[in-house]
Amino acid sequence: MVPLMLALLAANGDPAQSATTQAPSKPAKICREGEQVTGSHVRTGSRCLTQEEWQQEDARLTRRPVNMTVTGEQGDGQQTPTRPQ
């Protein structure tokens, strides 16, 4: 009984609304050839991402650290210098 009621409710949808509501088109994928990472002999395969994802990836790869100063508490094994009291 319940499946029959659900089917009737689904069939009574507004036809004007269903005609104007279309599935959004998927963004086009852009494929790039594999890259060789510096210091590695392993080559990656081609990757396919959208234009927005490639822009984010390029921004991430070109981002530089604020500075190259080694500071304490980085977890790199270096002891934090202490001042004599």
Protein backbone atom coordinates (compact mmCIF):
# COMPACT_ATOMS: atom_id res chain seq x y z
CA MET A 1 0.00 0.00 0.00
CA VAL A 2 2.79 2.44 0.94
CA PRO A 3 4.79 1.90 -2.30
CA LEU A 4 1.61 2.54 -4.32
CA MET A 5 1.00 5.84 -2.50
CA LEU A 6 4.61 6.93 -3.03
CA ALA A 7 4.39 6.13 -6.73
CA LEU A 8 1.19 8.18 -7.05
CA LEU A 9 2.73 11.14 -5.24
CA ALA A 10 5.80 11.02 -7.46
CA ALA A 11 3.66 10.84 -10.62
CA ASN A 12 1.61 13.91 -9.58
CA GLY A 13 4.63 16.23 -9.75
CA ASP A 14 4.26 19.63 -11.41
CA PRO A 15 5.08 19.16 -15.15
CA ALA A 16 6.10 22.83 -15.58
CA GLN A 17 8.60 22.52 -12.77
CA SER A 18 10.12 19.31 -14.14
CA ALA A 19 10.58 20.89 -17.58
CA THR A 20 12.50 23.88 -16.22
CA THR A 21 14.53 21.86 -13.73
CA GLN A 22 17.40 20.18 -15.52
CA ALA A 23 20.42 18.48 -14.13
CA PRO A 24 23.37 20.88 -13.97
CA SER A 25 25.97 20.14 -16.58
CA LYS A 26 29.22 18.70 -15.33
CA PRO A 27 32.29 20.92 -15.75
CA ALA A 28 34.68 19.81 -18.45
CA LYS A 29 37.72 17.83 -17.36
CA ILE A 30 41.18 18.88 -18.51
CA CYS A 31 43.83 16.16 -18.67
CA ARG A 32 47.53 16.84 -18.15
CA GLU A 33 50.38 14.48 -18.87
CA GLY A 34 52.27 12.91 -16.00
CA GLU A 35 55.04 14.83 -14.30
CA GLN A 36 58.33 13.65 -12.96
CA VAL A 37 58.89 14.72 -9.36
CA THR A 38 62.33 16.12 -8.60
CA GLY A 39 64.46 13.54 -6.84
CA SER A 40 62.39 10.60 -8.01
CA HIS A 41 62.61 8.24 -10.96
CA VAL A 42 58.91 7.44 -10.71
CA ARG A 43 56.70 9.16 -13.26
CA THR A 44 53.05 9.80 -12.48
CA GLY A 45 50.26 9.01 -14.92
CA SER A 46 48.06 11.60 -16.56
CA ARG A 47 45.53 13.36 -14.33
CA CYS A 48 42.16 14.81 -15.29
CA LEU A 49 40.69 17.64 -13.19
CA THR A 50 38.34 20.56 -13.73
CA GLN A 51 39.65 24.06 -14.51
CA GLU A 52 38.98 25.20 -10.93
CA GLU A 53 40.80 22.17 -9.45
CA TRP A 54 43.83 22.81 -11.72
CA GLN A 55 43.93 26.46 -10.61
CA GLN A 56 43.93 25.37 -6.95
CA GLU A 57 46.66 22.80 -7.66
CA ASP A 58 48.83 25.37 -9.47
CA ALA A 59 48.38 27.88 -6.63
CA ARG A 60 49.35 25.23 -4.07
CA LEU A 61 52.49 24.30 -5.99
CA THR A 62 53.66 27.89 -6.47
CA ARG A 63 53.00 28.97 -2.88
CA ARG A 64 56.22 29.62 -0.99
CA PRO A 65 56.75 29.51 2.74
CA VAL A 66 56.88 32.85 4.54
CA ASN A 67 60.57 32.40 5.23
CA MET A 68 63.13 29.63 5.49
CA THR A 69 64.11 30.30 9.11
CA VAL A 70 64.31 27.25 11.36
CA THR A 71 62.51 27.92 14.61
CA GLY A 72 61.95 25.87 17.71
CA GLU A 73 58.99 23.60 18.28
CA GLN A 74 58.85 22.44 14.67
CA GLY A 75 59.39 18.83 15.52
CA ASP A 76 62.59 18.70 13.46
CA GLY A 77 64.72 17.41 16.32
CA GLN A 78 66.54 20.70 16.90
CA GLN A 79 66.73 21.81 20.52
CA THR A 80 65.25 25.21 21.33
CA PRO A 81 68.04 27.46 22.62
CA THR A 82 67.54 28.64 26.19
CA ARG A 83 68.93 31.80 27.72
CA PRO A 84 71.00 31.53 30.85
CA GLN A 85 69.21 32.90 33.90
